[in-house]
């Protein structure tokens, strides 16, 4: 596991890389509020509505980087994204610390649907940036361990992003090489 912190002005970006090799084989609902919505709730709702676009932006930037290195693009797999998103949500809510805690369990859950030969994970968080995705991806690319995961011989990926009430964005990208 590798922990990297990047300082940009007065802001920090923290990222952790991890990898694992193995040789074995949310439903949302909308409810009408019964009380007026607060400004804080409006901001959270606006941020949540952009999360899928941010997740797609991570995939796009990672695949652009891979193309610049003559590597094949990663294919987004929603089953992997479910695991990545759940981990980001757990970190954003404070249920789990910013870490790779539970990585093996996430990979085991993925393995029930996708036979794989290797897996890796990058996580990051940041706050206060106009482009939090670019900040996270650039942080990963500046770190040897994260970059090795991005450049690895993986073919599938899943991306999950969550934002908490403090405005912190938590990113998880899981990489899978199918058997």
C-alpha atoms as a PDB file:
ATOM      1  CA  UNK A   1       0.000   0.000   0.000  1.00  0.00           C
ATOM      2  CA  UNK A   2       1.290   3.465  -0.867  1.00  0.00           C
ATOM      3  CA  UNK A   3       0.056   6.758   0.645  1.00  0.00           C
ATOM      4  CA  UNK A   4       0.799   9.994  -1.185  1.00  0.00           C
ATOM      5  CA  UNK A   5      -0.157  13.546  -0.190  1.00  0.00           C
ATOM      6  CA  UNK A   6       0.040  16.402  -2.660  1.00  0.00           C
ATOM      7  CA  UNK A   7      -0.043  20.060  -1.611  1.00  0.00           C
ATOM      8  CA  UNK A   8      -1.411  22.612  -4.029  1.00  0.00           C
ATOM      9  CA  UNK A   9      -1.448  26.030  -2.423  1.00  0.00           C
ATOM     10  CA  UNK A  10      -3.217  25.597   0.907  1.00  0.00           C
ATOM     11  CA  UNK A  11      -5.122  22.479  -0.216  1.00  0.00           C
ATOM     12  CA  UNK A  12      -4.059  18.856   0.021  1.00  0.00           C
ATOM     13  CA  UNK A  13      -4.917  15.837  -2.071  1.00  0.00           C
ATOM     14  CA  UNK A  14      -4.373  12.457  -0.472  1.00  0.00           C
ATOM     15  CA  UNK A  15      -4.253   9.228  -2.414  1.00  0.00           C
ATOM     16  CA  UNK A  16      -3.618   5.590  -1.573  1.00  0.00           C
ATOM     17  CA  UNK A  17      -2.732   2.778  -3.988  1.00  0.00           C
ATOM     18  CA  UNK A  18      -3.131  -0.914  -3.385  1.00  0.00           C
ATOM     19  CA  UNK A  19      -3.022  -4.048  -5.499  1.00  0.00           C
ATOM     20  CA  UNK A  20      -3.927  -7.672  -5.043  1.00  0.00           C
ATOM     21  CA  UNK A  21      -3.460 -10.758  -7.208  1.00  0.00           C
ATOM     22  CA  UNK A  22      -5.573 -13.883  -6.876  1.00  0.00           C
ATOM     23  CA  UNK A  23      -5.526 -17.227  -8.656  1.00  0.00           C
ATOM     24  CA  UNK A  24      -8.996 -18.548  -7.586  1.00  0.00           C
ATOM     25  CA  UNK A  25     -11.816 -18.701  -9.574  1.00  0.00           C
ATOM     26  CA  UNK A  26     -28.432   0.865  -5.001  1.00  0.00           C
ATOM     27  CA  UNK A  27     -31.479   1.428  -5.673  1.00  0.00           C
ATOM     28  CA  UNK A  28     -32.386   5.091  -5.088  1.00  0.00           C
ATOM     29  CA  UNK A  29     -35.786   6.583  -4.407  1.00  0.00           C
ATOM     30  CA  UNK A  30     -36.995  10.150  -4.458  1.00  0.00           C
ATOM     31  CA  UNK A  31     -39.358  11.357  -1.750  1.00  0.00           C
ATOM     32  CA  UNK A  32     -41.099  14.680  -1.602  1.00  0.00           C
ATOM     33  CA  UNK A  33     -39.781  16.623   1.377  1.00  0.00           C
ATOM     34  CA  UNK A  34     -42.257  17.336   4.142  1.00  0.00           C
ATOM     35  CA  UNK A  35     -40.185  20.296   5.331  1.00  0.00           C
ATOM     36  CA  UNK A  36     -38.413  23.037   3.382  1.00  0.00           C
ATOM     37  CA  UNK A  37     -35.078  21.993   1.930  1.00  0.00           C
ATOM     38  CA  UNK A  38     -32.071  23.700   3.512  1.00  0.00           C
ATOM     39  CA  UNK A  39     -29.259  25.276   1.498  1.00  0.00           C
ATOM     40  CA  UNK A  40     -26.970  22.488   2.712  1.00  0.00           C
ATOM     41  CA  UNK A  41     -29.420  19.843   1.419  1.00  0.00           C
ATOM     42  CA  UNK A  42     -29.709  21.684  -1.923  1.00  0.00           C
ATOM     43  CA  UNK A  43     -25.919  21.722  -2.331  1.00  0.00           C
ATOM     44  CA  UNK A  44     -25.707  18.035  -1.484  1.00  0.00           C
ATOM     45  CA  UNK A  45     -28.484  17.243  -3.980  1.00  0.00           C
ATOM     46  CA  UNK A  46     -26.743  19.270  -6.699  1.00  0.00           C
ATOM     47  CA  UNK A  47     -23.433  17.532  -6.003  1.00  0.00           C
ATOM     48  CA  UNK A  48     -25.097  14.123  -6.031  1.00  0.00           C
ATOM     49  CA  UNK A  49     -26.694  14.802  -9.414  1.00  0.00           C
ATOM     50  CA  UNK A  50     -23.248  15.414 -10.917  1.00  0.00           C
ATOM     51  CA  UNK A  51     -21.601  12.299  -9.449  1.00  0.00           C
ATOM     52  CA  UNK A  52     -22.242  10.060 -12.510  1.00  0.00           C
ATOM     53  CA  UNK A  53     -20.696  12.731 -14.741  1.00  0.00           C
ATOM     54  CA  UNK A  54     -17.664  12.946 -12.440  1.00  0.00           C
ATOM     55  CA  UNK A  55     -17.273   9.155 -12.460  1.00  0.00           C
ATOM     56  CA  UNK A  56     -17.398   9.172 -16.266  1.00  0.00           C
ATOM     57  CA  UNK A  57     -14.780  11.953 -16.290  1.00  0.00           C
ATOM     58  CA  UNK A  58     -12.413   9.770 -14.222  1.00  0.00           C
ATOM     59  CA  UNK A  59     -12.778   6.948 -16.766  1.00  0.00           C
ATOM     60  CA  UNK A  60     -12.261   9.344 -19.669  1.00  0.00           C
ATOM     61  CA  UNK A  61      -9.112  10.892 -18.170  1.00  0.00           C
ATOM     62  CA  UNK A  62      -7.658   7.504 -17.210  1.00  0.00           C
ATOM     63  CA  UNK A  63      -8.299   6.112 -20.704  1.00  0.00           C
ATOM     64  CA  UNK A  64      -6.821   9.239 -22.325  1.00  0.00           C
ATOM     65  CA  UNK A  65      -3.686   8.715 -20.242  1.00  0.00           C
ATOM     66  CA  UNK A  66      -3.586   4.998 -21.147  1.00  0.00           C
ATOM     67  CA  UNK A  67      -3.942   5.873 -24.855  1.00  0.00           C
ATOM     68  CA  UNK A  68      -0.997   8.284 -24.552  1.00  0.00           C
ATOM     69  CA  UNK A  69       1.041   5.287 -23.332  1.00  0.00           C
ATOM     70  CA  UNK A  70      -0.245   3.046 -26.169  1.00  0.00           C
ATOM     71  CA  UNK A  71      -2.256   0.963 -23.671  1.00  0.00           C
ATOM     72  CA  UNK A  72      -5.744  -0.354 -24.411  1.00  0.00           C
ATOM     73  CA  UNK A  73      -8.677   1.446 -22.809  1.00  0.00           C
ATOM     74  CA  UNK A  74     -10.323   0.090 -19.685  1.00  0.00           C
ATOM     75  CA  UNK A  75     -13.955  -0.955 -19.980  1.00  0.00           C
ATOM     76  CA  UNK A  76     -16.268   0.365 -17.291  1.00  0.00           C
ATOM     77  CA  UNK A  77     -18.167  -2.444 -15.562  1.00  0.00           C
ATOM     78  CA  UNK A  78     -21.155  -1.434 -13.446  1.00  0.00           C
ATOM     79  CA  UNK A  79     -20.657  -4.434 -11.113  1.00  0.00           C
ATOM     80  CA  UNK A  80     -17.209  -3.118 -10.221  1.00  0.00           C
ATOM     81  CA  UNK A  81     -18.503   0.457  -9.931  1.00  0.00           C
ATOM     82  CA  UNK A  82     -21.062  -0.676  -7.337  1.00  0.00           C
ATOM     83  CA  UNK A  83     -18.208  -1.837  -5.098  1.00  0.00           C
ATOM     84  CA  UNK A  84     -16.121   1.296  -5.768  1.00  0.00           C
ATOM     85  CA  UNK A  85     -19.068   3.596  -5.079  1.00  0.00           C
ATOM     86  CA  UNK A  86     -19.974   1.824  -1.837  1.00  0.00           C
ATOM     87  CA  UNK A  87     -16.396   2.237  -0.596  1.00  0.00           C
ATOM     88  CA  UNK A  88     -16.326   5.945  -1.498  1.00  0.00           C
ATOM     89  CA  UNK A  89     -19.661   6.442   0.263  1.00  0.00           C
ATOM     90  CA  UNK A  90     -18.376   4.639   3.370  1.00  0.00           C
ATOM     91  CA  UNK A  91     -15.286   6.879   3.473  1.00  0.00           C
ATOM     92  CA  UNK A  92     -17.286  10.059   2.814  1.00  0.00           C
ATOM     93  CA  UNK A  93     -19.718   9.253   5.626  1.00  0.00           C
ATOM     94  CA  UNK A  94     -16.958   8.334   8.071  1.00  0.00           C
ATOM     95  CA  UNK A  95     -18.120   4.709   8.411  1.00  0.00           C
ATOM     96  CA  UNK A  96     -14.649   3.667   7.314  1.00  0.00           C
ATOM     97  CA  UNK A  97     -11.446   5.715   7.365  1.00  0.00           C
ATOM     98  CA  UNK A  98      -9.789   6.933   4.196  1.00  0.00           C
ATOM     99  CA  UNK A  99      -8.045   3.677   3.362  1.00  0.00           C
ATOM    100  CA  UNK A 100      -8.183   0.397   1.504  1.00  0.00           C
ATOM    101  CA  UNK A 101     -10.034  -1.230   4.400  1.00  0.00           C
ATOM    102  CA  UNK A 102     -12.234  -3.963   2.952  1.00  0.00           C
ATOM    103  CA  UNK A 103     -10.372  -4.169  -0.386  1.00  0.00           C
ATOM    104  CA  UNK A 104     -10.175  -7.940  -0.263  1.00  0.00           C
ATOM    105  CA  UNK A 105     -13.920  -8.164   0.462  1.00  0.00           C
ATOM    106  CA  UNK A 106     -14.696  -5.840  -2.468  1.00  0.00           C
ATOM    107  CA  UNK A 107     -12.606  -7.984  -4.776  1.00  0.00           C
ATOM    108  CA  UNK A 108     -14.261 -11.157  -3.484  1.00  0.00           C
ATOM    109  CA  UNK A 109     -17.695  -9.649  -4.190  1.00  0.00           C
ATOM    110  CA  UNK A 110     -16.569  -8.781  -7.722  1.00  0.00           C
ATOM    111  CA  UNK A 111     -15.127 -12.303  -8.169  1.00  0.00           C
ATOM    112  CA  UNK A 112     -18.586 -13.807  -7.650  1.00  0.00           C
ATOM    113  CA  UNK A 113     -19.545 -12.253 -10.998  1.00  0.00           C
ATOM    114  CA  UNK A 114     -16.218 -11.819 -12.811  1.00  0.00           C
ATOM    115  CA  UNK A 115     -13.439 -14.439 -12.794  1.00  0.00           C
ATOM    116  CA  UNK A 116     -10.196 -12.494 -12.450  1.00  0.00           C
ATOM    117  CA  UNK A 117      -6.443 -12.948 -12.195  1.00  0.00           C
ATOM    118  CA  UNK A 118      -5.463  -9.625 -10.612  1.00  0.00           C
ATOM    119  CA  UNK A 119      -7.012  -6.574  -9.014  1.00  0.00           C
ATOM    120  CA  UNK A 120      -5.850  -3.182  -7.790  1.00  0.00           C
ATOM    121  CA  UNK A 121      -7.406  -0.095  -6.263  1.00  0.00           C
ATOM    122  CA  UNK A 122      -6.671   3.621  -6.138  1.00  0.00           C
ATOM    123  CA  UNK A 123      -8.415   5.916  -3.676  1.00  0.00           C
ATOM    124  CA  UNK A 124      -8.180   9.672  -3.275  1.00  0.00           C
ATOM    125  CA  UNK A 125      -9.965  12.549  -1.626  1.00  0.00           C
ATOM    126  CA  UNK A 126      -9.882  16.273  -2.077  1.00  0.00           C
ATOM    127  CA  UNK A 127     -11.851  19.398  -1.327  1.00  0.00           C
ATOM    128  CA  UNK A 128     -12.065  22.926  -2.668  1.00  0.00           C
ATOM    129  CA  UNK A 129     -11.059  22.348  -6.288  1.00  0.00           C
ATOM    130  CA  UNK A 130     -13.107  23.516  -9.274  1.00  0.00           C
ATOM    131  CA  UNK A 131     -12.211  20.220 -11.006  1.00  0.00           C
ATOM    132  CA  UNK A 132     -11.932  17.550  -8.303  1.00  0.00           C
ATOM    133  CA  UNK A 133     -11.595  14.757 -10.887  1.00  0.00           C
ATOM    134  CA  UNK A 134      -8.576  16.294 -12.589  1.00  0.00           C
ATOM    135  CA  UNK A 135      -7.003  16.905  -9.178  1.00  0.00           C
ATOM    136  CA  UNK A 136      -7.477  13.260  -8.140  1.00  0.00           C
ATOM    137  CA  UNK A 137      -6.305  11.802 -11.457  1.00  0.00           C
ATOM    138  CA  UNK A 138      -3.257  14.076 -11.613  1.00  0.00           C
ATOM    139  CA  UNK A 139      -2.404  13.111  -8.032  1.00  0.00           C
ATOM    140  CA  UNK A 140      -2.579   9.433  -8.971  1.00  0.00           C
ATOM    141  CA  UNK A 141      -0.400   9.989 -12.044  1.00  0.00           C
ATOM    142  CA  UNK A 142       2.253  11.765  -9.948  1.00  0.00           C
ATOM    143  CA  UNK A 143       2.519   8.759  -7.630  1.00  0.00           C
ATOM    144  CA  UNK A 144       4.446   5.679  -8.748  1.00  0.00           C
ATOM    145  CA  UNK A 145       2.135   3.138  -7.099  1.00  0.00           C
ATOM    146  CA  UNK A 146      -1.043   4.747  -8.412  1.00  0.00           C
ATOM    147  CA  UNK A 147       0.418   5.181 -11.887  1.00  0.00           C
ATOM    148  CA  UNK A 148       1.449   1.505 -11.926  1.00  0.00           C
ATOM    149  CA  UNK A 149      -2.161   0.554 -11.219  1.00  0.00           C
ATOM    150  CA  UNK A 150      -3.390   2.877 -13.992  1.00  0.00           C
ATOM    151  CA  UNK A 151      -0.815   1.494 -16.447  1.00  0.00           C
ATOM    152  CA  UNK A 152      -1.319  -2.115 -15.327  1.00  0.00           C
ATOM    153  CA  UNK A 153      -2.496  -4.895 -17.609  1.00  0.00           C
ATOM    154  CA  UNK A 154      -6.103  -4.597 -16.499  1.00  0.00           C
ATOM    155  CA  UNK A 155      -9.083  -4.672 -18.841  1.00  0.00           C
ATOM    156  CA  UNK A 156     -12.017  -3.712 -16.595  1.00  0.00           C
ATOM    157  CA  UNK A 157     -12.559  -0.919 -14.111  1.00  0.00           C
ATOM    158  CA  UNK A 158     -15.158   0.534 -11.829  1.00  0.00           C
ATOM    159  CA  UNK A 159     -15.281   4.072 -10.506  1.00  0.00           C
ATOM    160  CA  UNK A 160     -17.139   5.399  -7.495  1.00  0.00           C
ATOM    161  CA  UNK A 161     -17.237   8.941  -6.142  1.00  0.00           C
ATOM    162  CA  UNK A 162     -19.008  10.315  -3.092  1.00  0.00           C
ATOM    163  CA  UNK A 163     -19.177  13.786  -1.615  1.00  0.00           C
ATOM    164  CA  UNK A 164     -19.957  14.515   2.016  1.00  0.00           C
ATOM    165  CA  UNK A 165     -21.650  17.522   3.599  1.00  0.00           C
ATOM    166  CA  UNK A 166     -18.233  19.181   4.137  1.00  0.00           C
ATOM    167  CA  UNK A 167     -17.697  19.181   0.374  1.00  0.00           C
ATOM    168  CA  UNK A 168     -14.974  16.512   0.424  1.00  0.00           C
ATOM    169  CA  UNK A 169     -14.908  14.239  -2.619  1.00  0.00           C
ATOM    170  CA  UNK A 170     -13.869  10.610  -2.126  1.00  0.00           C
ATOM    171  CA  UNK A 171     -12.742   8.592  -5.138  1.00  0.00           C
ATOM    172  CA  UNK A 172     -12.311   4.846  -5.555  1.00  0.00           C
ATOM    173  CA  UNK A 173     -11.175   3.197  -8.779  1.00  0.00           C
ATOM    174  CA  UNK A 174     -10.902  -0.586  -8.882  1.00  0.00           C
ATOM    175  CA  UNK A 175      -8.941  -2.295 -11.653  1.00  0.00           C
ATOM    176  CA  UNK A 176      -9.614  -5.897 -12.699  1.00  0.00           C
ATOM    177  CA  UNK A 177      -7.870  -8.246 -15.118  1.00  0.00           C
ATOM    178  CA  UNK A 178     -10.278 -10.934 -16.251  1.00  0.00           C
ATOM    179  CA  UNK A 179      -9.109 -14.473 -16.612  1.00  0.00           C
END
